[in-house]
Amino acid sequence: MKALAVLCVRNEAAFLIEWLAHHRAVGFTDFLVFSNDCQDGTDILLDRLQDMGEVQHIRNDGPYDKRGIQFTALKIAEKLPIVAEADWILPLDVDEFVNIKTGGHQLVDLFAALPDADAIALTWRLFGNAGKVRYDDLPVTDQFRQAAPEVLFWPWRASMFKTLYRNSGVYKKLGVHRPRSPDPDRVEDQNWFDGEGRALDAKYKTKRIFSNFGRSNTALVQLNHYPLGAMESYVLKADRGRAVHSSDLLGVDYWIERNFNQETDTSIDALKPERAAIAAGLMTDDTLAKLHAAAVNWRKARFDALMLQEPFRALFGRLLMTPPSRLVPQKAASFMMRYANTARKTAKN
C-alpha cells in the first residue's frame, strides 16, 4: 500500500525533520513536498532529503493560480506519477500531525477499523501556545500539550478537517481540505467516515470541509493542529504569510481564535519512540544536520531583525499581553452561528 502525504512549505526547514519522522512512523510511505520563495534553506534541506530518497521535492516558483500558492502546487501534483501511483492521499501542512488512536496507531490500524472507508475526515484538534514565548529547537509535539476540548462550539473554523482518501479516480483534483471534481456517476458510492467511525452524509462527498459542531469527532483519529507555536515563531509566521491566502496578514485575531489550552492531550506520544528513532536516523546525515542547524539559526536571526520593525514588535507585544482564549458557551455559540448562517445565505443571494 502506498500512502502519500502532500505538503507545501515556506521558511519552515526547522520543523521538517520532526514532521517527516512522525508521518513515517504513522505509516505514510511517500512524501511530495513543494517549497516556494524560501530564505531559510527549506528548499536546500528538501533537496537533501530527496537525495536521501525520503521525499520528492518540487520548487513551486510560479506563476501562481489566482487562488494562491498552495492551489498552484496541488494543480502541479495532479499530473505527477507519485500521485497517480498512490493508494491513499492526504494533503497536509507542516503544523498538522496525524494522530491515530486505535490499534498500533498507524494507518493500517485506522483502515482496519474502517474497512469500508473511501474517505476519512480528520478533524482538527487545536493546540494552543501554552504560554511559550521563545522558540526552541525541540519537537513541536513535545512542547505543546494543551489543547481545545474535544467538543468545541466556537469558532467554526475549529471544526475544519483534512481528508485522507482512497485514490480510486473518483476525485479528479486535489484540494486543501478535501478532494475535488468528483465523478458524478461514481461519487454517490463513496463511503465517508468521521474520526469517530460514523458514516457521513452525501454533502461530505461533494463539498463539506467542516465536521459537525457539538460532539467529539476524534475517538479513532484526529489531526493535531499546532497553528501558533511559540510567540516568537508566530511573529515569523506573520512575516511568512498564509499558505492559502498569502496576502492576508496574521494578527492577534488569528491567535485568539486558536489559542485554546483547556485540556492536556498527550495521545500523540503513542508513536514518540518510533518518531524519535526515525528523526535520529535522519540526523546522522551530516549534511542534513548542518542544514537543520542553519535553519534554526536563521529563525533566531530573522526574529531579531523583525523586532526592529514596528509592526512586528507591536504584534509581539500584543501577544505578550493576550491571555489564553476562553471557551464560548454553547448558547452564545449558537447565537453567533445563527448570524453566520444568515450572512452566508445573504452572500449567496
C-alpha atoms as a PDB file:
ATOM      1  CA  MET A   1       0.000   0.000   0.000  1.00  0.00           C
ATOM      2  CA  LYS A   2       1.271   3.430  -0.958  1.00  0.00           C
ATOM      3  CA  ALA A   3       0.086   6.260   1.283  1.00  0.00           C
ATOM      4  CA  LEU A   4       1.087   9.718   0.055  1.00  0.00           C
ATOM      5  CA  ALA A   5       1.302  12.919   2.092  1.00  0.00           C
ATOM      6  CA  VAL A   6       1.407  16.160   0.101  1.00  0.00           C
ATOM      7  CA  LEU A   7       2.992  19.172   1.796  1.00  0.00           C
ATOM      8  CA  CYS A   8       3.591  22.840   0.913  1.00  0.00           C
ATOM      9  CA  VAL A   9       6.184  24.816   2.898  1.00  0.00           C
ATOM     10  CA  ARG A  10       7.969  28.150   3.030  1.00  0.00           C
ATOM     11  CA  ASN A  11      10.681  29.010   5.559  1.00  0.00           C
ATOM     12  CA  GLU A  12       9.869  26.003   7.752  1.00  0.00           C
ATOM     13  CA  ALA A  13      13.027  23.916   7.460  1.00  0.00           C
ATOM     14  CA  ALA A  14      13.489  23.767  11.233  1.00  0.00           C
ATOM     15  CA  PHE A  15      10.259  21.738  11.593  1.00  0.00           C
ATOM     16  CA  LEU A  16      10.596  19.317   8.693  1.00  0.00           C
ATOM     17  CA  ILE A  17      12.569  16.517  10.341  1.00  0.00           C
ATOM     18  CA  GLU A  18      10.047  16.008  13.151  1.00  0.00           C
ATOM     19  CA  TRP A  19       7.092  16.209  10.755  1.00  0.00           C
ATOM     20  CA  LEU A  20       8.600  13.715   8.322  1.00  0.00           C
ATOM     21  CA  ALA A  21       9.698  11.311  11.053  1.00  0.00           C
ATOM     22  CA  HIS A  22       6.282  11.331  12.699  1.00  0.00           C
ATOM     23  CA  HIS A  23       4.409  10.612   9.498  1.00  0.00           C
ATOM     24  CA  ARG A  24       6.793   7.850   8.521  1.00  0.00           C
ATOM     25  CA  ALA A  25       6.052   6.315  11.918  1.00  0.00           C
ATOM     26  CA  VAL A  26       2.322   6.667  11.209  1.00  0.00           C
ATOM     27  CA  GLY A  27       2.776   4.659   8.019  1.00  0.00           C
ATOM     28  CA  PHE A  28       2.965   7.125   5.162  1.00  0.00           C
ATOM     29  CA  THR A  29       5.232   5.674   2.510  1.00  0.00           C
ATOM     30  CA  ASP A  30       5.615   8.609   0.113  1.00  0.00           C
ATOM     31  CA  PHE A  31       6.016  12.361   0.505  1.00  0.00           C
ATOM     32  CA  LEU A  32       5.564  15.035  -2.131  1.00  0.00           C
ATOM     33  CA  VAL A  33       6.769  18.412  -0.870  1.00  0.00           C
ATOM     34  CA  PHE A  34       6.514  21.795  -2.579  1.00  0.00           C
ATOM     35  CA  SER A  35       8.577  24.797  -1.499  1.00  0.00           C
ATOM     36  CA  ASN A  36       8.392  28.409  -2.577  1.00  0.00           C
ATOM     37  CA  ASP A  37      10.411  31.569  -2.031  1.00  0.00           C
ATOM     38  CA  CYS A  38      12.495  30.226   0.860  1.00  0.00           C
ATOM     39  CA  GLN A  39      15.162  32.230   2.682  1.00  0.00           C
ATOM     40  CA  ASP A  40      15.907  29.754   5.483  1.00  0.00           C
ATOM     41  CA  GLY A  41      17.202  26.866   3.360  1.00  0.00           C
ATOM     42  CA  THR A  42      13.947  24.895   3.326  1.00  0.00           C
ATOM     43  CA  ASP A  43      14.397  24.162  -0.372  1.00  0.00           C
ATOM     44  CA  ILE A  44      18.017  23.065   0.068  1.00  0.00           C
ATOM     45  CA  LEU A  45      17.121  20.820   3.011  1.00  0.00           C
ATOM     46  CA  LEU A  46      14.357  19.249   0.922  1.00  0.00           C
ATOM     47  CA  ASP A  47      16.825  18.692  -1.899  1.00  0.00           C
ATOM     48  CA  ARG A  48      18.979  16.768   0.555  1.00  0.00           C
ATOM     49  CA  LEU A  49      16.025  14.705   1.743  1.00  0.00           C
ATOM     50  CA  GLN A  50      15.242  13.957  -1.895  1.00  0.00           C
ATOM     51  CA  ASP A  51      18.837  12.818  -2.478  1.00  0.00           C
ATOM     52  CA  MET A  52      18.409  10.514   0.514  1.00  0.00           C
ATOM     53  CA  GLY A  53      15.252   9.016  -1.019  1.00  0.00           C
ATOM     54  CA  GLU A  54      12.961  10.426   1.677  1.00  0.00           C
ATOM     55  CA  VAL A  55      10.793  12.852  -0.320  1.00  0.00           C
ATOM     56  CA  GLN A  56      10.080  14.149  -3.792  1.00  0.00           C
ATOM     57  CA  HIS A  57      10.730  17.884  -3.779  1.00  0.00           C
ATOM     58  CA  ILE A  58       9.452  20.451  -6.277  1.00  0.00           C
ATOM     59  CA  ARG A  59      10.159  24.179  -6.230  1.00  0.00           C
ATOM     60  CA  ASN A  60       6.874  25.967  -6.777  1.00  0.00           C
ATOM     61  CA  ASP A  61       8.224  29.195  -8.258  1.00  0.00           C
ATOM     62  CA  GLY A  62       5.112  30.404 -10.098  1.00  0.00           C
ATOM     63  CA  PRO A  63       3.289  31.847 -11.854  1.00  0.00           C
ATOM     64  CA  TYR A  64       0.621  31.176  -9.269  1.00  0.00           C
ATOM     65  CA  ASP A  65      -3.056  30.353  -9.543  1.00  0.00           C
ATOM     66  CA  LYS A  66      -5.279  33.272  -8.516  1.00  0.00           C
ATOM     67  CA  ARG A  67      -6.438  31.193  -5.549  1.00  0.00           C
ATOM     68  CA  GLY A  68      -2.927  31.085  -4.124  1.00  0.00           C
ATOM     69  CA  ILE A  69       0.387  29.301  -3.965  1.00  0.00           C
ATOM     70  CA  GLN A  70      -0.952  26.120  -2.365  1.00  0.00           C
ATOM     71  CA  PHE A  71      -3.599  25.650  -5.062  1.00  0.00           C
ATOM     72  CA  THR A  72      -0.889  26.054  -7.686  1.00  0.00           C
ATOM     73  CA  ALA A  73       1.153  23.295  -6.066  1.00  0.00           C
ATOM     74  CA  LEU A  74      -1.803  20.934  -5.915  1.00  0.00           C
ATOM     75  CA  LYS A  75      -2.522  21.519  -9.622  1.00  0.00           C
ATOM     76  CA  ILE A  76       1.061  20.533 -10.391  1.00  0.00           C
ATOM     77  CA  ALA A  77       0.755  17.477  -8.157  1.00  0.00           C
ATOM     78  CA  GLU A  78      -2.248  16.158 -10.054  1.00  0.00           C
ATOM     79  CA  LYS A  79      -0.059  15.465 -13.085  1.00  0.00           C
ATOM     80  CA  LEU A  80       2.720  13.596 -11.273  1.00  0.00           C
ATOM     81  CA  PRO A  81       3.327   9.813 -11.228  1.00  0.00           C
ATOM     82  CA  ILE A  82       3.805   9.807  -7.442  1.00  0.00           C
ATOM     83  CA  VAL A  83       0.181  10.946  -7.109  1.00  0.00           C
ATOM     84  CA  ALA A  84      -1.181   8.595  -9.768  1.00  0.00           C
ATOM     85  CA  GLU A  85       0.508   5.619  -8.106  1.00  0.00           C
ATOM     86  CA  ALA A  86      -0.715   6.359  -4.563  1.00  0.00           C
ATOM     87  CA  ASP A  87      -3.420   4.209  -2.989  1.00  0.00           C
ATOM     88  CA  TRP A  88      -4.299   6.844  -0.378  1.00  0.00           C
ATOM     89  CA  ILE A  89      -3.646  10.610  -0.403  1.00  0.00           C
ATOM     90  CA  LEU A  90      -3.644  13.262   2.328  1.00  0.00           C
ATOM     91  CA  PRO A  91      -2.666  16.927   1.752  1.00  0.00           C
ATOM     92  CA  LEU A  92      -1.228  18.389   4.960  1.00  0.00           C
ATOM     93  CA  ASP A  93       0.529  21.429   6.397  1.00  0.00           C
ATOM     94  CA  VAL A  94       3.728  21.250   8.429  1.00  0.00           C
ATOM     95  CA  ASP A  95       1.831  22.208  11.605  1.00  0.00           C
ATOM     96  CA  GLU A  96      -0.582  19.270  11.237  1.00  0.00           C
ATOM     97  CA  PHE A  97       0.177  15.809  12.656  1.00  0.00           C
ATOM     98  CA  VAL A  98      -1.973  12.737  12.060  1.00  0.00           C
ATOM     99  CA  ASN A  99      -2.831  11.174  15.418  1.00  0.00           C
ATOM    100  CA  ILE A 100      -4.385   7.695  15.185  1.00  0.00           C
ATOM    101  CA  LYS A 101      -5.839   6.450  18.457  1.00  0.00           C
ATOM    102  CA  THR A 102      -6.737   2.871  17.596  1.00  0.00           C
ATOM    103  CA  GLY A 103      -4.664  -0.326  17.474  1.00  0.00           C
ATOM    104  CA  GLY A 104      -0.977   0.305  16.888  1.00  0.00           C
ATOM    105  CA  HIS A 105      -1.636   3.964  15.993  1.00  0.00           C
ATOM    106  CA  GLN A 106      -0.735   3.528  12.330  1.00  0.00           C
ATOM    107  CA  LEU A 107      -2.616   3.854   9.063  1.00  0.00           C
ATOM    108  CA  VAL A 108      -3.115   0.110   8.804  1.00  0.00           C
ATOM    109  CA  ASP A 109      -4.931   0.185  12.134  1.00  0.00           C
ATOM    110  CA  LEU A 110      -7.187   3.016  11.035  1.00  0.00           C
ATOM    111  CA  PHE A 111      -8.032   1.229   7.799  1.00  0.00           C
ATOM    112  CA  ALA A 112      -8.725  -1.973   9.737  1.00  0.00           C
ATOM    113  CA  ALA A 113     -11.156  -0.059  11.961  1.00  0.00           C
ATOM    114  CA  LEU A 114     -12.888   1.440   8.894  1.00  0.00           C
ATOM    115  CA  PRO A 115     -12.535  -1.244   6.190  1.00  0.00           C
ATOM    116  CA  ASP A 116     -15.306   0.232   4.022  1.00  0.00           C
ATOM    117  CA  ALA A 117     -13.902   3.762   4.013  1.00  0.00           C
ATOM    118  CA  ASP A 118     -13.155   5.605   0.804  1.00  0.00           C
ATOM    119  CA  ALA A 119     -12.529   8.857   2.669  1.00  0.00           C
ATOM    120  CA  ILE A 120     -11.902   9.752   6.306  1.00  0.00           C
ATOM    121  CA  ALA A 121     -12.367  13.295   7.619  1.00  0.00           C
ATOM    122  CA  LEU A 122      -9.528  14.072  10.049  1.00  0.00           C
ATOM    123  CA  THR A 123     -10.894  16.848  12.243  1.00  0.00           C
ATOM    124  CA  TRP A 124      -8.511  19.391  13.708  1.00  0.00           C
ATOM    125  CA  ARG A 125      -7.825  19.452  17.406  1.00  0.00           C
ATOM    126  CA  LEU A 126      -6.324  22.869  18.083  1.00  0.00           C
ATOM    127  CA  PHE A 127      -3.253  23.021  20.318  1.00  0.00           C
ATOM    128  CA  GLY A 128      -2.593  26.363  21.958  1.00  0.00           C
ATOM    129  CA  ASN A 129       0.543  28.318  22.713  1.00  0.00           C
ATOM    130  CA  ALA A 130       0.742  27.138  26.356  1.00  0.00           C
ATOM    131  CA  GLY A 131       2.323  30.486  27.295  1.00  0.00           C
ATOM    132  CA  LYS A 132       5.581  29.751  25.498  1.00  0.00           C
ATOM    133  CA  VAL A 133       7.413  32.922  24.438  1.00  0.00           C
ATOM    134  CA  ARG A 134      10.752  31.982  22.862  1.00  0.00           C
ATOM    135  CA  TYR A 135      11.359  29.499  20.067  1.00  0.00           C
ATOM    136  CA  ASP A 136      13.342  26.368  20.995  1.00  0.00           C
ATOM    137  CA  ASP A 137      14.694  23.713  18.671  1.00  0.00           C
ATOM    138  CA  LEU A 138      12.632  20.954  20.251  1.00  0.00           C
ATOM    139  CA  PRO A 139       9.838  18.778  18.817  1.00  0.00           C
ATOM    140  CA  VAL A 140       6.594  20.683  18.473  1.00  0.00           C
ATOM    141  CA  THR A 141       4.611  17.657  19.641  1.00  0.00           C
ATOM    142  CA  ASP A 142       6.647  17.562  22.870  1.00  0.00           C
ATOM    143  CA  GLN A 143       6.369  21.277  23.660  1.00  0.00           C
ATOM    144  CA  PHE A 144       2.685  21.990  23.084  1.00  0.00           C
ATOM    145  CA  ARG A 145       0.399  19.690  25.066  1.00  0.00           C
ATOM    146  CA  GLN A 146      -2.534  21.960  25.903  1.00  0.00           C
ATOM    147  CA  ALA A 147      -5.472  21.786  23.532  1.00  0.00           C
ATOM    148  CA  ALA A 148      -9.059  22.781  22.954  1.00  0.00           C
ATOM    149  CA  PRO A 149     -11.690  20.413  24.352  1.00  0.00           C
ATOM    150  CA  GLU A 150     -12.750  17.610  22.048  1.00  0.00           C
ATOM    151  CA  VAL A 151     -16.219  19.197  21.962  1.00  0.00           C
ATOM    152  CA  LEU A 152     -15.912  22.846  20.952  1.00  0.00           C
ATOM    153  CA  PHE A 153     -18.815  25.112  19.973  1.00  0.00           C
ATOM    154  CA  TRP A 154     -16.962  28.145  18.589  1.00  0.00           C
ATOM    155  CA  PRO A 155     -15.152  29.288  16.471  1.00  0.00           C
ATOM    156  CA  TRP A 156     -16.493  27.398  13.477  1.00  0.00           C
ATOM    157  CA  ARG A 157     -13.002  27.131  11.961  1.00  0.00           C
ATOM    158  CA  ALA A 158     -12.007  24.778  14.770  1.00  0.00           C
ATOM    159  CA  SER A 159     -14.097  22.010  13.219  1.00  0.00           C
ATOM    160  CA  MET A 160     -12.313  22.016   9.858  1.00  0.00           C
ATOM    161  CA  PHE A 161     -10.846  18.766   8.610  1.00  0.00           C
ATOM    162  CA  LYS A 162      -8.341  17.375   6.131  1.00  0.00           C
ATOM    163  CA  THR A 163      -9.341  14.345   4.069  1.00  0.00           C
ATOM    164  CA  LEU A 164      -7.477  11.058   3.847  1.00  0.00           C
ATOM    165  CA  TYR A 165      -8.992   9.435   0.774  1.00  0.00           C
ATOM    166  CA  ARG A 166      -8.648   6.425  -1.477  1.00  0.00           C
ATOM    167  CA  ASN A 167      -7.098   7.369  -4.825  1.00  0.00           C
ATOM    168  CA  SER A 168      -9.586   5.436  -6.966  1.00  0.00           C
ATOM    169  CA  GLY A 169     -10.129   8.053  -9.652  1.00  0.00           C
ATOM    170  CA  VAL A 170     -13.481   9.232  -8.330  1.00  0.00           C
ATOM    171  CA  TYR A 171     -11.991  12.625  -7.455  1.00  0.00           C
ATOM    172  CA  LYS A 172     -10.029  14.253 -10.267  1.00  0.00           C
ATOM    173  CA  LYS A 173      -8.362  17.078  -8.335  1.00  0.00           C
ATOM    174  CA  LEU A 174      -6.539  17.508  -5.045  1.00  0.00           C
ATOM    175  CA  GLY A 175      -7.830  20.068  -2.588  1.00  0.00           C
ATOM    176  CA  VAL A 176      -6.505  21.755   0.534  1.00  0.00           C
ATOM    177  CA  HIS A 177      -9.188  20.264   2.784  1.00  0.00           C
ATOM    178  CA  ARG A 178     -10.941  17.702   0.578  1.00  0.00           C
ATOM    179  CA  PRO A 179     -10.592  16.102  -2.863  1.00  0.00           C
ATOM    180  CA  ARG A 180     -12.381  17.985  -5.642  1.00  0.00           C
ATOM    181  CA  SER A 181     -14.078  17.463  -9.016  1.00  0.00           C
ATOM    182  CA  PRO A 182     -15.899  14.207  -8.209  1.00  0.00           C
ATOM    183  CA  ASP A 183     -17.122  11.899 -10.961  1.00  0.00           C
ATOM    184  CA  PRO A 184     -20.927  12.395 -10.797  1.00  0.00           C
ATOM    185  CA  ASP A 185     -21.538   8.803 -11.845  1.00  0.00           C
ATOM    186  CA  ARG A 186     -19.418   7.332  -9.058  1.00  0.00           C
ATOM    187  CA  VAL A 187     -19.331   9.770  -6.171  1.00  0.00           C
ATOM    188  CA  GLU A 188     -22.563   8.588  -4.523  1.00  0.00           C
ATOM    189  CA  ASP A 189     -20.952   5.178  -3.958  1.00  0.00           C
ATOM    190  CA  GLN A 190     -18.151   6.701  -1.871  1.00  0.00           C
ATOM    191  CA  ASN A 191     -18.175   5.901   1.839  1.00  0.00           C
ATOM    192  CA  TRP A 192     -17.112   8.816   4.016  1.00  0.00           C
ATOM    193  CA  PHE A 193     -16.483   8.454   7.755  1.00  0.00           C
ATOM    194  CA  ASP A 194     -15.542  10.856  10.520  1.00  0.00           C
ATOM    195  CA  GLY A 195     -12.875  10.413  13.176  1.00  0.00           C
ATOM    196  CA  GLU A 196     -15.341   8.551  15.407  1.00  0.00           C
ATOM    197  CA  GLY A 197     -16.109   5.994  12.696  1.00  0.00           C
ATOM    198  CA  ARG A 198     -19.568   7.414  11.951  1.00  0.00           C
ATOM    199  CA  ALA A 199     -20.800   7.364   8.363  1.00  0.00           C
ATOM    200  CA  LEU A 200     -21.125  10.861   6.888  1.00  0.00           C
ATOM    201  CA  ASP A 201     -23.945  12.086   4.694  1.00  0.00           C
ATOM    202  CA  ALA A 202     -23.923  12.903   0.978  1.00  0.00           C
ATOM    203  CA  LYS A 203     -22.844  16.536   1.410  1.00  0.00           C
ATOM    204  CA  TYR A 204     -19.422  15.377   2.566  1.00  0.00           C
ATOM    205  CA  LYS A 205     -18.926  13.504  -0.689  1.00  0.00           C
ATOM    206  CA  THR A 206     -19.027  16.692  -2.723  1.00  0.00           C
ATOM    207  CA  LYS A 207     -18.448  19.895  -0.754  1.00  0.00           C
ATOM    208  CA  ARG A 208     -18.238  19.969   3.061  1.00  0.00           C
ATOM    209  CA  ILE A 209     -14.998  20.952   4.823  1.00  0.00           C
ATOM    210  CA  PHE A 210     -16.307  21.226   8.407  1.00  0.00           C
ATOM    211  CA  SER A 211     -17.183  18.468  10.842  1.00  0.00           C
ATOM    212  CA  ASN A 212     -20.376  18.808  12.844  1.00  0.00           C
ATOM    213  CA  PHE A 213     -20.245  21.004  15.951  1.00  0.00           C
ATOM    214  CA  GLY A 214     -21.212  19.960  19.438  1.00  0.00           C
ATOM    215  CA  ARG A 215     -19.783  16.458  19.519  1.00  0.00           C
ATOM    216  CA  SER A 216     -16.458  14.676  19.560  1.00  0.00           C
ATOM    217  CA  ASN A 217     -15.039  13.706  16.176  1.00  0.00           C
ATOM    218  CA  THR A 218     -11.742  12.247  17.338  1.00  0.00           C
ATOM    219  CA  ALA A 219     -12.127   8.854  19.054  1.00  0.00           C
ATOM    220  CA  LEU A 220     -10.366   6.917  16.271  1.00  0.00           C
ATOM    221  CA  VAL A 221      -8.236   9.638  14.715  1.00  0.00           C
ATOM    222  CA  GLN A 222      -7.660  13.371  14.977  1.00  0.00           C
ATOM    223  CA  LEU A 223      -5.423  15.886  13.290  1.00  0.00           C
ATOM    224  CA  ASN A 224      -3.248  17.587  15.881  1.00  0.00           C
ATOM    225  CA  HIS A 225      -3.038  21.178  14.677  1.00  0.00           C
ATOM    226  CA  TYR A 226      -0.322  23.476  16.067  1.00  0.00           C
ATOM    227  CA  PRO A 227      -1.077  26.769  14.279  1.00  0.00           C
ATOM    228  CA  LEU A 228       0.640  29.086  16.777  1.00  0.00           C
ATOM    229  CA  GLY A 229       3.785  27.674  18.348  1.00  0.00           C
ATOM    230  CA  ALA A 230       5.877  29.956  20.492  1.00  0.00           C
ATOM    231  CA  MET A 231       5.145  33.678  20.311  1.00  0.00           C
ATOM    232  CA  GLU A 232       8.484  34.175  18.614  1.00  0.00           C
ATOM    233  CA  SER A 233       7.543  31.619  15.951  1.00  0.00           C
ATOM    234  CA  TYR A 234       4.187  33.295  15.420  1.00  0.00           C
ATOM    235  CA  VAL A 235       5.919  36.563  14.535  1.00  0.00           C
ATOM    236  CA  LEU A 236       7.873  34.662  11.872  1.00  0.00           C
ATOM    237  CA  LYS A 237       4.641  33.078  10.656  1.00  0.00           C
ATOM    238  CA  ALA A 238       3.148  36.546  10.250  1.00  0.00           C
ATOM    239  CA  ASP A 239       6.212  37.543   8.255  1.00  0.00           C
ATOM    240  CA  ARG A 240       5.926  34.450   6.039  1.00  0.00           C
ATOM    241  CA  GLY A 241       2.239  34.929   5.208  1.00  0.00           C
ATOM    242  CA  ARG A 242      -0.601  32.415   4.993  1.00  0.00           C
ATOM    243  CA  ALA A 243      -0.382  29.336   2.816  1.00  0.00           C
ATOM    244  CA  VAL A 244      -3.699  29.759   1.014  1.00  0.00           C
ATOM    245  CA  HIS A 245      -4.396  33.475   1.352  1.00  0.00           C
ATOM    246  CA  SER A 246      -0.811  34.712   1.134  1.00  0.00           C
ATOM    247  CA  SER A 247      -1.829  38.388   1.055  1.00  0.00           C
ATOM    248  CA  ASP A 248      -3.697  38.156   4.382  1.00  0.00           C
ATOM    249  CA  LEU A 249      -1.675  39.417   7.315  1.00  0.00           C
ATOM    250  CA  LEU A 250      -1.757  37.424  10.540  1.00  0.00           C
ATOM    251  CA  GLY A 251      -2.616  39.309  13.684  1.00  0.00           C
ATOM    252  CA  VAL A 252      -3.965  38.849  17.188  1.00  0.00           C
ATOM    253  CA  ASP A 253      -7.389  37.883  15.788  1.00  0.00           C
ATOM    254  CA  TYR A 254      -5.975  34.704  14.228  1.00  0.00           C
ATOM    255  CA  TRP A 255      -4.153  33.985  17.503  1.00  0.00           C
ATOM    256  CA  ILE A 256      -7.247  34.412  19.698  1.00  0.00           C
ATOM    257  CA  GLU A 257      -9.336  32.059  17.555  1.00  0.00           C
ATOM    258  CA  ARG A 258      -6.784  29.267  18.045  1.00  0.00           C
ATOM    259  CA  ASN A 259      -5.089  29.707  21.435  1.00  0.00           C
ATOM    260  CA  PHE A 260      -7.080  27.144  23.423  1.00  0.00           C
ATOM    261  CA  ASN A 261      -5.274  25.461  26.318  1.00  0.00           C
ATOM    262  CA  GLN A 262      -8.087  23.934  28.389  1.00  0.00           C
ATOM    263  CA  GLU A 263      -7.143  20.239  28.224  1.00  0.00           C
ATOM    264  CA  THR A 264      -3.927  18.242  28.230  1.00  0.00           C
ATOM    265  CA  ASP A 265      -3.637  15.818  25.316  1.00  0.00           C
ATOM    266  CA  THR A 266      -0.569  13.580  25.095  1.00  0.00           C
ATOM    267  CA  SER A 267      -2.120  10.876  22.906  1.00  0.00           C
ATOM    268  CA  ILE A 268       0.341  11.562  20.104  1.00  0.00           C
ATOM    269  CA  ASP A 269       3.080  10.167  22.364  1.00  0.00           C
ATOM    270  CA  ALA A 270       1.983   6.665  21.348  1.00  0.00           C
ATOM    271  CA  LEU A 271       4.413   6.893  18.415  1.00  0.00           C
ATOM    272  CA  LYS A 272       7.008   9.090  20.116  1.00  0.00           C
ATOM    273  CA  PRO A 273       9.698   6.361  20.362  1.00  0.00           C
ATOM    274  CA  GLU A 274       9.295   5.482  16.685  1.00  0.00           C
ATOM    275  CA  ARG A 275       9.282   9.139  15.654  1.00  0.00           C
ATOM    276  CA  ALA A 276      12.358   9.904  17.716  1.00  0.00           C
ATOM    277  CA  ALA A 277      14.249   6.924  16.294  1.00  0.00           C
ATOM    278  CA  ILE A 278      13.462   7.888  12.700  1.00  0.00           C
ATOM    279  CA  ALA A 279      14.429  11.517  13.328  1.00  0.00           C
ATOM    280  CA  ALA A 280      17.683  10.458  14.971  1.00  0.00           C
ATOM    281  CA  GLY A 281      18.461   8.240  11.985  1.00  0.00           C
ATOM    282  CA  LEU A 282      17.898  11.111   9.571  1.00  0.00           C
ATOM    283  CA  MET A 283      20.108  13.419  11.602  1.00  0.00           C
ATOM    284  CA  THR A 284      23.056  11.045  11.330  1.00  0.00           C
ATOM    285  CA  ASP A 285      23.467  12.527   7.858  1.00  0.00           C
ATOM    286  CA  ASP A 286      25.981  15.336   8.426  1.00  0.00           C
ATOM    287  CA  THR A 287      24.704  17.469   5.567  1.00  0.00           C
ATOM    288  CA  LEU A 288      21.113  17.256   6.753  1.00  0.00           C
ATOM    289  CA  ALA A 289      22.113  18.009  10.350  1.00  0.00           C
ATOM    290  CA  LYS A 290      24.021  21.123   9.260  1.00  0.00           C
ATOM    291  CA  LEU A 291      21.106  22.339   7.144  1.00  0.00           C
ATOM    292  CA  HIS A 292      18.745  21.878  10.089  1.00  0.00           C
ATOM    293  CA  ALA A 293      21.086  23.791  12.392  1.00  0.00           C
ATOM    294  CA  ALA A 294      21.383  26.592   9.839  1.00  0.00           C
ATOM    295  CA  ALA A 295      17.593  26.830   9.645  1.00  0.00           C
ATOM    296  CA  VAL A 296      17.346  27.101  13.438  1.00  0.00           C
ATOM    297  CA  ASN A 297      19.932  29.900  13.426  1.00  0.00           C
ATOM    298  CA  TRP A 298      18.092  31.662  10.618  1.00  0.00           C
ATOM    299  CA  ARG A 299      14.879  31.706  12.663  1.00  0.00           C
ATOM    300  CA  LYS A 300      16.613  33.345  15.596  1.00  0.00           C
ATOM    301  CA  ALA A 301      18.323  35.933  13.401  1.00  0.00           C
ATOM    302  CA  ARG A 302      15.127  36.670  11.489  1.00  0.00           C
ATOM    303  CA  PHE A 303      13.209  37.268  14.716  1.00  0.00           C
ATOM    304  CA  ASP A 304      15.870  39.727  15.854  1.00  0.00           C
ATOM    305  CA  ALA A 305      15.563  41.574  12.547  1.00  0.00           C
ATOM    306  CA  LEU A 306      11.757  41.674  12.662  1.00  0.00           C
ATOM    307  CA  MET A 307      11.778  43.061  16.183  1.00  0.00           C
ATOM    308  CA  LEU A 308      13.454  46.206  14.808  1.00  0.00           C
ATOM    309  CA  GLN A 309      10.303  46.835  12.734  1.00  0.00           C
ATOM    310  CA  GLU A 310       7.344  48.445  14.474  1.00  0.00           C
ATOM    311  CA  PRO A 311       4.528  46.222  13.074  1.00  0.00           C
ATOM    312  CA  PHE A 312       6.211  43.018  14.216  1.00  0.00           C
ATOM    313  CA  ARG A 313       7.397  44.444  17.522  1.00  0.00           C
ATOM    314  CA  ALA A 314       3.836  45.637  18.180  1.00  0.00           C
ATOM    315  CA  LEU A 315       2.462  42.190  17.327  1.00  0.00           C
ATOM    316  CA  PHE A 316       4.892  40.516  19.722  1.00  0.00           C
ATOM    317  CA  GLY A 317       3.969  42.951  22.481  1.00  0.00           C
ATOM    318  CA  ARG A 318       0.268  42.273  21.991  1.00  0.00           C
ATOM    319  CA  LEU A 319       0.862  38.542  22.162  1.00  0.00           C
ATOM    320  CA  LEU A 320       2.641  39.006  25.476  1.00  0.00           C
ATOM    321  CA  MET A 321      -0.432  40.833  26.814  1.00  0.00           C
ATOM    322  CA  THR A 322      -3.075  38.470  25.395  1.00  0.00           C
ATOM    323  CA  PRO A 323      -4.356  35.774  27.786  1.00  0.00           C
ATOM    324  CA  PRO A 324      -5.296  32.263  26.599  1.00  0.00           C
ATOM    325  CA  SER A 325      -8.576  32.158  24.713  1.00  0.00           C
ATOM    326  CA  ARG A 326     -11.645  31.339  26.783  1.00  0.00           C
ATOM    327  CA  LEU A 327     -14.330  28.944  25.646  1.00  0.00           C
ATOM    328  CA  VAL A 328     -17.582  30.274  24.216  1.00  0.00           C
ATOM    329  CA  PRO A 329     -20.609  28.624  25.895  1.00  0.00           C
ATOM    330  CA  GLN A 330     -22.952  26.641  23.696  1.00  0.00           C
ATOM    331  CA  LYS A 331     -25.767  29.177  23.938  1.00  0.00           C
ATOM    332  CA  ALA A 332     -23.538  32.057  22.880  1.00  0.00           C
ATOM    333  CA  ALA A 333     -22.017  29.952  20.099  1.00  0.00           C
ATOM    334  CA  SER A 334     -25.487  29.172  18.754  1.00  0.00           C
ATOM    335  CA  PHE A 335     -26.247  32.891  18.776  1.00  0.00           C
ATOM    336  CA  MET A 336     -23.087  33.553  16.720  1.00  0.00           C
ATOM    337  CA  MET A 337     -23.776  30.679  14.361  1.00  0.00           C
ATOM    338  CA  ARG A 338     -27.250  31.993  13.608  1.00  0.00           C
ATOM    339  CA  TYR A 339     -25.771  35.248  12.334  1.00  0.00           C
ATOM    340  CA  ALA A 340     -23.003  33.448  10.464  1.00  0.00           C
ATOM    341  CA  ASN A 341     -25.523  31.269   8.642  1.00  0.00           C
ATOM    342  CA  THR A 342     -27.669  34.289   7.790  1.00  0.00           C
ATOM    343  CA  ALA A 343     -24.647  36.115   6.411  1.00  0.00           C
ATOM    344  CA  ARG A 344     -23.705  33.159   4.212  1.00  0.00           C
ATOM    345  CA  LYS A 345     -27.244  32.886   2.819  1.00  0.00           C
ATOM    346  CA  THR A 346     -27.306  36.613   2.134  1.00  0.00           C
ATOM    347  CA  ALA A 347     -23.976  36.434   0.324  1.00  0.00           C
ATOM    348  CA  LYS A 348     -25.255  33.643  -1.938  1.00  0.00           C
ATOM    349  CA  ASN A 349     -28.252  35.746  -2.926  1.00  0.00           C
END
